C-alpha cells in the first residue's frame, strides 16, 4: 500500500483541509528505525481510515518542513488536529502510544 507522501508544496494545504485528525511520519530512507515503524503506521492507517489520515514526510527531501516542526531526531511522528500540531512521539513506539496521538 504505502502511505501518501507530503512535501513543501502540499503539506500546509493537506493538513489545514483535513476533515480528520492527521498523523505525519517524518522519516528518512536511510533510517533503520523509520523502516521498522512504517508497517505499523500503515496498519494504523488501514484499521482507522475513518478516524485518521496518515502521511509521510521525507526529511532529506524536505529539510525546511523538518526544521519548521522541530524534527531533531527520526522517526518523529506528529499529530495534527484542526490544522494545528497536537502531539509528538520520537523514535519507534508501540502501537498504543501511536494511537494515543489521535485520542
N, C-alpha and C. Protein backbone atom coordinates (compact mmCIF):
# COMPACT_ATOMS: atom_id res chain seq x y z
N UNK A 1 0.85 -1.19 0.00
CA UNK A 1 0.00 0.00 0.00
C UNK A 1 0.88 1.25 0.00
N UNK A 2 1.55 1.52 1.07
CA UNK A 2 2.38 2.73 1.14
C UNK A 2 1.56 3.94 1.51
N UNK A 3 2.11 4.76 2.34
CA UNK A 3 1.42 5.98 2.77
C UNK A 3 1.73 7.12 1.82
N UNK A 4 0.78 8.03 1.68
CA UNK A 4 0.97 9.18 0.80
C UNK A 4 2.05 10.09 1.34
N UNK A 5 2.90 10.56 0.44
CA UNK A 5 3.99 11.47 0.82
C UNK A 5 3.52 12.92 0.74
N UNK A 6 3.92 13.70 1.70
CA UNK A 6 3.69 15.14 1.66
C UNK A 6 5.04 15.82 1.47
N UNK A 7 4.98 17.02 0.87
CA UNK A 7 6.19 17.81 0.71
C UNK A 7 5.84 19.28 0.93
N UNK A 8 6.82 20.14 0.72
CA UNK A 8 6.60 21.57 0.96
C UNK A 8 5.47 22.14 0.11
N UNK A 9 5.19 21.53 -1.04
CA UNK A 9 4.15 22.04 -1.93
C UNK A 9 2.73 21.73 -1.47
N UNK A 10 2.55 20.60 -0.80
CA UNK A 10 1.18 20.20 -0.45
C UNK A 10 0.94 20.02 1.05
N UNK A 11 1.96 20.21 1.88
CA UNK A 11 1.84 19.94 3.31
C UNK A 11 0.78 20.81 3.98
N UNK A 12 0.95 22.13 3.92
CA UNK A 12 0.05 23.02 4.66
C UNK A 12 -1.40 22.88 4.21
N UNK A 13 -1.61 22.79 2.90
CA UNK A 13 -2.97 22.65 2.38
C UNK A 13 -3.60 21.33 2.83
N UNK A 14 -2.84 20.25 2.76
CA UNK A 14 -3.36 18.94 3.17
C UNK A 14 -3.72 18.94 4.65
N UNK A 15 -2.84 19.47 5.50
CA UNK A 15 -3.08 19.48 6.95
C UNK A 15 -4.26 20.39 7.30
N UNK A 16 -4.30 21.58 6.72
CA UNK A 16 -5.35 22.53 7.10
C UNK A 16 -6.72 22.14 6.54
N UNK A 17 -6.76 21.39 5.44
CA UNK A 17 -8.04 20.99 4.85
C UNK A 17 -8.53 19.62 5.32
N UNK A 18 -7.76 18.96 6.16
CA UNK A 18 -8.12 17.60 6.60
C UNK A 18 -9.37 17.63 7.47
N UNK A 19 -10.30 16.74 7.14
CA UNK A 19 -11.53 16.65 7.94
C UNK A 19 -11.34 15.72 9.14
N UNK A 20 -10.27 14.94 9.12
CA UNK A 20 -9.95 14.02 10.21
C UNK A 20 -8.63 14.44 10.85
N UNK A 21 -8.34 13.95 12.07
CA UNK A 21 -7.01 14.17 12.63
C UNK A 21 -5.97 13.57 11.68
N UNK A 22 -4.76 14.12 11.70
CA UNK A 22 -3.70 13.70 10.79
C UNK A 22 -2.47 13.28 11.61
N UNK A 23 -1.83 12.20 11.18
CA UNK A 23 -0.54 11.78 11.73
C UNK A 23 0.47 11.90 10.60
N UNK A 24 1.59 12.55 10.89
CA UNK A 24 2.66 12.70 9.90
C UNK A 24 3.92 12.05 10.44
N UNK A 25 4.46 11.13 9.66
CA UNK A 25 5.71 10.44 9.99
C UNK A 25 6.85 11.16 9.28
N UNK A 26 7.67 11.88 10.05
CA UNK A 26 8.88 12.49 9.49
C UNK A 26 9.96 11.41 9.53
N UNK A 27 10.50 11.06 8.36
CA UNK A 27 11.41 9.92 8.26
C UNK A 27 12.51 10.20 7.22
N UNK A 28 13.45 9.26 7.09
CA UNK A 28 14.44 9.28 6.02
C UNK A 28 14.62 7.85 5.51
N UNK A 29 14.93 7.71 4.22
CA UNK A 29 15.07 6.38 3.62
C UNK A 29 16.19 5.56 4.26
N UNK A 30 17.24 6.21 4.76
CA UNK A 30 18.39 5.50 5.32
C UNK A 30 18.20 5.11 6.79
N UNK A 31 17.10 5.52 7.39
CA UNK A 31 16.87 5.35 8.83
C UNK A 31 16.25 3.98 9.14
N UNK A 32 17.03 3.11 9.81
CA UNK A 32 16.55 1.78 10.18
C UNK A 32 15.30 1.79 11.05
N UNK A 33 15.28 2.57 12.15
CA UNK A 33 14.07 2.62 12.98
C UNK A 33 12.84 3.12 12.20
N UNK A 34 13.07 4.02 11.24
CA UNK A 34 11.95 4.52 10.42
C UNK A 34 11.35 3.38 9.61
N UNK A 35 12.21 2.51 9.08
CA UNK A 35 11.75 1.36 8.29
C UNK A 35 10.96 0.39 9.16
N UNK A 36 11.36 0.25 10.42
CA UNK A 36 10.62 -0.64 11.34
C UNK A 36 9.27 -0.06 11.71
N UNK A 37 9.18 1.26 11.79
CA UNK A 37 7.94 1.92 12.19
C UNK A 37 6.92 1.98 11.06
N UNK A 38 7.37 2.05 9.84
CA UNK A 38 6.50 2.26 8.69
C UNK A 38 5.34 1.25 8.58
N UNK A 39 5.58 -0.08 8.69
CA UNK A 39 4.46 -1.02 8.59
C UNK A 39 3.41 -0.81 9.68
N UNK A 40 3.85 -0.42 10.86
CA UNK A 40 2.92 -0.16 11.96
C UNK A 40 2.02 1.03 11.64
N UNK A 41 2.60 2.08 11.07
CA UNK A 41 1.81 3.25 10.69
C UNK A 41 0.84 2.92 9.55
N UNK A 42 1.26 2.07 8.62
CA UNK A 42 0.37 1.63 7.54
C UNK A 42 -0.80 0.84 8.13
N UNK A 43 -0.51 0.00 9.12
CA UNK A 43 -1.55 -0.78 9.79
C UNK A 43 -2.56 0.15 10.48
N UNK A 44 -2.05 1.16 11.18
CA UNK A 44 -2.92 2.13 11.85
C UNK A 44 -3.78 2.86 10.81
N UNK A 45 -3.18 3.25 9.70
CA UNK A 45 -3.92 3.96 8.64
C UNK A 45 -5.04 3.09 8.08
N UNK A 46 -4.75 1.81 7.84
CA UNK A 46 -5.73 0.89 7.27
C UNK A 46 -6.86 0.60 8.27
N UNK A 47 -6.51 0.32 9.51
CA UNK A 47 -7.50 -0.05 10.53
C UNK A 47 -8.36 1.13 10.97
N UNK A 48 -7.88 2.36 10.80
CA UNK A 48 -8.58 3.54 11.32
C UNK A 48 -8.86 4.56 10.23
N UNK A 49 -9.15 4.08 9.00
CA UNK A 49 -9.27 5.01 7.88
C UNK A 49 -10.41 6.01 8.03
N UNK A 50 -11.42 5.72 8.87
CA UNK A 50 -12.48 6.72 9.09
C UNK A 50 -12.18 7.62 10.28
N UNK A 51 -11.04 7.39 10.97
CA UNK A 51 -10.71 8.19 12.15
C UNK A 51 -9.48 9.07 11.98
N UNK A 52 -8.57 8.70 11.07
CA UNK A 52 -7.30 9.42 10.95
C UNK A 52 -6.72 9.26 9.55
N UNK A 53 -5.99 10.26 9.11
CA UNK A 53 -5.22 10.20 7.87
C UNK A 53 -3.75 10.14 8.27
N UNK A 54 -2.97 9.26 7.64
CA UNK A 54 -1.56 9.11 7.96
C UNK A 54 -0.74 9.43 6.71
N UNK A 55 0.24 10.30 6.88
CA UNK A 55 1.11 10.71 5.78
C UNK A 55 2.57 10.56 6.22
N UNK A 56 3.48 10.70 5.24
CA UNK A 56 4.92 10.65 5.49
C UNK A 56 5.57 11.88 4.89
N UNK A 57 6.63 12.36 5.54
CA UNK A 57 7.46 13.45 5.01
C UNK A 57 8.91 13.00 5.07
N UNK A 58 9.57 12.96 3.91
CA UNK A 58 10.98 12.62 3.85
C UNK A 58 11.79 13.84 4.27
N UNK A 59 12.48 13.73 5.40
CA UNK A 59 13.20 14.90 5.95
C UNK A 59 14.41 15.29 5.10
N UNK A 60 14.98 14.33 4.37
CA UNK A 60 16.11 14.66 3.49
C UNK A 60 15.64 15.53 2.32
N UNK A 61 14.45 15.25 1.82
CA UNK A 61 13.91 15.99 0.67
C UNK A 61 13.17 17.26 1.10
N UNK A 62 12.81 17.35 2.38
CA UNK A 62 12.04 18.48 2.89
C UNK A 62 12.63 19.02 4.18
N UNK A 63 13.88 19.48 4.15
CA UNK A 63 14.53 19.94 5.39
C UNK A 63 13.83 21.15 6.01
N UNK A 64 13.20 21.99 5.19
CA UNK A 64 12.50 23.16 5.74
C UNK A 64 11.30 22.75 6.58
N UNK A 65 10.56 21.73 6.13
CA UNK A 65 9.43 21.23 6.92
C UNK A 65 9.92 20.61 8.22
N UNK A 66 11.00 19.85 8.13
CA UNK A 66 11.57 19.23 9.34
C UNK A 66 11.98 20.31 10.34
N UNK A 67 12.58 21.37 9.84
CA UNK A 67 13.01 22.45 10.72
C UNK A 67 11.80 23.19 11.31
N UNK A 68 10.80 23.44 10.48
CA UNK A 68 9.60 24.16 10.94
C UNK A 68 8.91 23.41 12.10
N UNK A 69 8.91 22.08 12.03
CA UNK A 69 8.25 21.29 13.08
C UNK A 69 9.24 20.72 14.09
N UNK A 70 10.43 21.31 14.13
CA UNK A 70 11.45 21.00 15.13
C UNK A 70 11.74 19.50 15.22
N UNK A 71 11.90 18.89 14.06
CA UNK A 71 12.25 17.48 13.99
C UNK A 71 13.76 17.37 14.18
N UNK A 72 14.17 16.94 15.37
CA UNK A 72 15.59 16.83 15.70
C UNK A 72 16.08 15.40 15.54
N UNK A 73 15.20 14.44 15.71
CA UNK A 73 15.54 13.03 15.56
C UNK A 73 14.42 12.33 14.81
N UNK A 74 14.77 11.23 14.13
CA UNK A 74 13.75 10.49 13.39
C UNK A 74 13.82 9.02 13.79
N UNK A 75 12.72 8.28 13.69
CA UNK A 75 11.41 8.75 13.26
C UNK A 75 10.80 9.72 14.27
N UNK A 76 10.02 10.62 13.73
CA UNK A 76 9.37 11.66 14.52
C UNK A 76 7.94 11.73 14.02
N UNK A 77 7.00 11.27 14.81
CA UNK A 77 5.61 11.17 14.39
C UNK A 77 4.81 12.26 15.09
N UNK A 78 4.18 13.12 14.29
CA UNK A 78 3.48 14.29 14.82
C UNK A 78 2.01 14.19 14.43
N UNK A 79 1.13 14.49 15.38
CA UNK A 79 -0.30 14.51 15.05
C UNK A 79 -0.78 15.96 14.96
N UNK A 80 -1.77 16.15 14.12
CA UNK A 80 -2.39 17.46 13.91
C UNK A 80 -3.89 17.32 14.05
N UNK A 81 -4.50 18.28 14.74
CA UNK A 81 -5.96 18.35 14.83
C UNK A 81 -6.35 19.77 14.46
N UNK A 82 -7.35 19.90 13.61
CA UNK A 82 -7.82 21.21 13.15
C UNK A 82 -6.66 22.04 12.60
N UNK A 83 -5.73 21.38 11.90
CA UNK A 83 -4.63 22.07 11.25
C UNK A 83 -3.49 22.49 12.17
N UNK A 84 -3.58 22.15 13.46
CA UNK A 84 -2.55 22.57 14.42
C UNK A 84 -1.84 21.34 15.00
N UNK A 85 -0.53 21.50 15.26
CA UNK A 85 0.23 20.43 15.86
C UNK A 85 -0.36 20.09 17.22
N UNK A 86 -0.52 18.80 17.50
CA UNK A 86 -1.20 18.35 18.70
C UNK A 86 -0.26 17.59 19.64
N UNK A 87 0.30 16.48 19.18
CA UNK A 87 1.19 15.65 19.99
C UNK A 87 2.32 15.11 19.13
N UNK A 88 3.37 14.60 19.80
CA UNK A 88 4.53 14.08 19.07
C UNK A 88 5.08 12.84 19.78
N UNK A 89 5.57 11.89 18.99
CA UNK A 89 6.28 10.72 19.50
C UNK A 89 7.58 10.62 18.72
N UNK A 90 8.71 10.55 19.43
CA UNK A 90 10.02 10.44 18.78
C UNK A 90 10.55 9.02 18.99
N UNK A 91 11.03 8.41 17.92
CA UNK A 91 11.57 7.06 17.99
C UNK A 91 10.50 6.03 17.67
N UNK A 92 10.91 4.77 17.70
CA UNK A 92 9.97 3.68 17.44
C UNK A 92 9.12 3.50 18.69
N UNK A 93 7.81 3.55 18.51
CA UNK A 93 6.89 3.46 19.64
C UNK A 93 5.91 2.32 19.41
N UNK A 94 5.36 1.76 20.49
CA UNK A 94 4.34 0.72 20.33
C UNK A 94 3.05 1.32 19.76
N UNK A 95 2.24 0.45 19.20
CA UNK A 95 1.00 0.87 18.54
C UNK A 95 0.12 1.70 19.47
N UNK A 96 0.00 1.28 20.73
CA UNK A 96 -0.86 2.01 21.68
C UNK A 96 -0.42 3.46 21.84
N UNK A 97 0.88 3.67 21.90
CA UNK A 97 1.40 5.04 22.05
C UNK A 97 1.13 5.85 20.78
N UNK A 98 1.24 5.23 19.63
CA UNK A 98 0.94 5.92 18.36
C UNK A 98 -0.55 6.24 18.27
N UNK A 99 -1.40 5.31 18.72
CA UNK A 99 -2.85 5.56 18.70
C UNK A 99 -3.21 6.71 19.65
N UNK A 100 -2.43 6.87 20.71
CA UNK A 100 -2.66 7.96 21.65
C UNK A 100 -2.48 9.33 20.99
N UNK A 101 -1.77 9.37 19.87
CA UNK A 101 -1.60 10.64 19.15
C UNK A 101 -2.93 11.19 18.65
N UNK A 102 -3.90 10.31 18.43
CA UNK A 102 -5.19 10.77 17.89
C UNK A 102 -6.32 10.73 18.91
N UNK A 103 -6.05 10.18 20.07
CA UNK A 103 -7.12 10.08 21.08
C UNK A 103 -7.10 11.25 22.04
